Each structure stands twice: as structure tokens, then as C-alpha cells.
Amino acid sequence: MSSTAETYDVGVPRLTRSTPVRLAPAAPALWRVLDKTGKVIGHLQAVSQRGGVRYRARRFHPASRAFRELGEFWTADDAVECLRFAS
């Protein structure tokens, strides 16, 4: 996972899997991922890389007061699934 990649405004990602989440804009190329109760479970960030756009799954870690990257994925669906099932 490279922190030097540029964020890329691709518009709101269209989730193709039936998942009980919704995306709320947070910044250009960045969305909050909310569960069915409205709780933020993480962030989804579009990142431009050679070969296309990848989606980065990030979650806030209160003890360190920082975001942790959980992974980069070729689809928004995969990044959202990572946020849903990561503990």
C-alpha cells in the first residue's frame, strides 16, 4: 500500500453486492461507510494507480488517534466487505 498514490475523484462508487451499508461523502474521493444503524464503520478512499482506480479501506483506531489502512482493492465492494468483517 503506497501512501504516495493520488486520490482520484471518480464519483460515488456503485456497490454491486447487496450489503447493508451506505456511503456518505466525506471529501473528494473519500466516503464514510455507514452500517444499517448509521454508525460509521470506516472510510472508503478512491486512489489512482497505474492500471486503474483502487479502493482503500481505512478505519479509525481510537487508542492511537489515527486511521489504519486495512487494504487496497480493485473494487469498492471488496473494500467495503473488508470494513464489514474486519475486527
Protein backbone atom coordinates (compact mmCIF):
# COMPACT_ATOMS: atom_id res chain seq x y z
CA MET A 1 0.00 0.00 0.00
CA SER A 2 1.58 3.18 -1.15
CA SER A 3 0.85 6.45 0.59
CA THR A 4 2.21 8.35 -2.42
CA ALA A 5 -0.70 7.45 -4.71
CA GLU A 6 -3.01 10.26 -5.71
CA THR A 7 -6.62 10.36 -4.70
CA TYR A 8 -8.92 10.37 -7.68
CA ASP A 9 -12.42 11.80 -7.89
CA VAL A 10 -14.40 9.03 -9.55
CA GLY A 11 -17.84 9.93 -8.27
CA VAL A 12 -19.68 7.85 -5.71
CA PRO A 13 -18.74 4.18 -6.15
CA ARG A 14 -21.63 1.95 -7.12
CA LEU A 15 -21.79 -1.05 -4.82
CA THR A 16 -22.96 -4.08 -6.78
CA ARG A 17 -23.30 -6.51 -3.88
CA SER A 18 -26.33 -6.40 -1.66
CA THR A 19 -24.73 -5.07 1.52
CA PRO A 20 -26.47 -3.29 4.41
CA VAL A 21 -24.25 -0.20 4.17
CA ARG A 22 -24.42 3.22 2.60
CA LEU A 23 -21.75 5.68 1.55
CA ALA A 24 -21.72 9.31 2.69
CA PRO A 25 -19.35 11.83 1.10
CA ALA A 26 -16.54 13.00 3.39
CA ALA A 27 -14.14 14.68 0.92
CA PRO A 28 -13.19 14.38 -2.75
CA ALA A 29 -12.59 10.67 -3.43
CA LEU A 30 -13.42 9.78 0.21
CA TRP A 31 -16.64 8.35 1.68
CA ARG A 32 -17.75 7.31 5.15
CA VAL A 33 -19.10 3.78 5.19
CA LEU A 34 -22.15 3.58 7.45
CA ASP A 35 -23.85 0.41 8.67
CA LYS A 36 -27.62 -0.01 8.68
CA THR A 37 -27.90 1.84 12.03
CA GLY A 38 -25.92 4.83 10.73
CA LYS A 39 -22.72 4.02 12.65
CA VAL A 40 -19.51 4.83 10.76
CA ILE A 41 -17.57 1.59 10.28
CA GLY A 42 -14.73 3.10 8.26
CA HIS A 43 -13.75 5.09 5.21
CA LEU A 44 -13.51 4.19 1.54
CA GLN A 45 -10.97 6.14 -0.50
CA ALA A 46 -10.52 6.04 -4.29
CA VAL A 47 -6.84 6.05 -5.24
CA SER A 48 -5.46 6.42 -8.78
CA GLN A 49 -2.71 3.93 -9.54
CA ARG A 50 -1.08 2.53 -12.62
CA GLY A 51 -3.65 0.17 -14.07
CA GLY A 52 -6.75 1.95 -12.76
CA VAL A 53 -8.52 3.04 -9.63
CA ARG A 54 -8.13 1.11 -6.41
CA TYR A 55 -10.21 1.45 -3.28
CA ARG A 56 -8.57 1.79 0.11
CA ALA A 57 -10.37 0.60 3.26
CA ARG A 58 -9.48 2.67 6.35
CA ARG A 59 -10.66 2.50 9.94
CA PHE A 60 -10.13 4.90 12.84
CA HIS A 61 -8.16 3.47 15.76
CA PRO A 62 -9.12 5.43 18.90
CA ALA A 63 -6.14 4.36 21.02
CA SER A 64 -3.63 5.76 18.52
CA ARG A 65 -5.93 8.55 17.31
CA ALA A 66 -5.08 7.64 13.74
CA PHE A 67 -6.55 5.85 10.76
CA ARG A 68 -5.28 2.41 9.90
CA GLU A 69 -5.27 1.14 6.36
CA LEU A 70 -6.85 -2.30 6.12
CA GLY A 71 -6.04 -2.86 2.46
CA GLU A 72 -6.39 -1.72 -1.14
CA PHE A 73 -8.81 -3.42 -3.50
CA TRP A 74 -9.74 -3.28 -7.19
CA THR A 75 -13.44 -2.96 -6.36
CA ALA A 76 -15.35 -0.82 -3.90
CA ASP A 77 -17.38 -3.90 -2.96
CA ASP A 78 -14.26 -5.75 -1.78
CA ALA A 79 -13.07 -2.76 0.27
CA VAL A 80 -16.50 -2.42 1.92
CA GLU A 81 -16.56 -6.16 2.71
CA CYS A 82 -13.16 -5.76 4.39
CA LEU A 83 -14.57 -2.99 6.59
CA ARG A 84 -17.65 -5.01 7.44
CA PHE A 85 -15.80 -8.12 8.52
CA ALA A 86 -12.53 -6.76 9.94
CA SER A 87 -12.44 -6.55 13.72
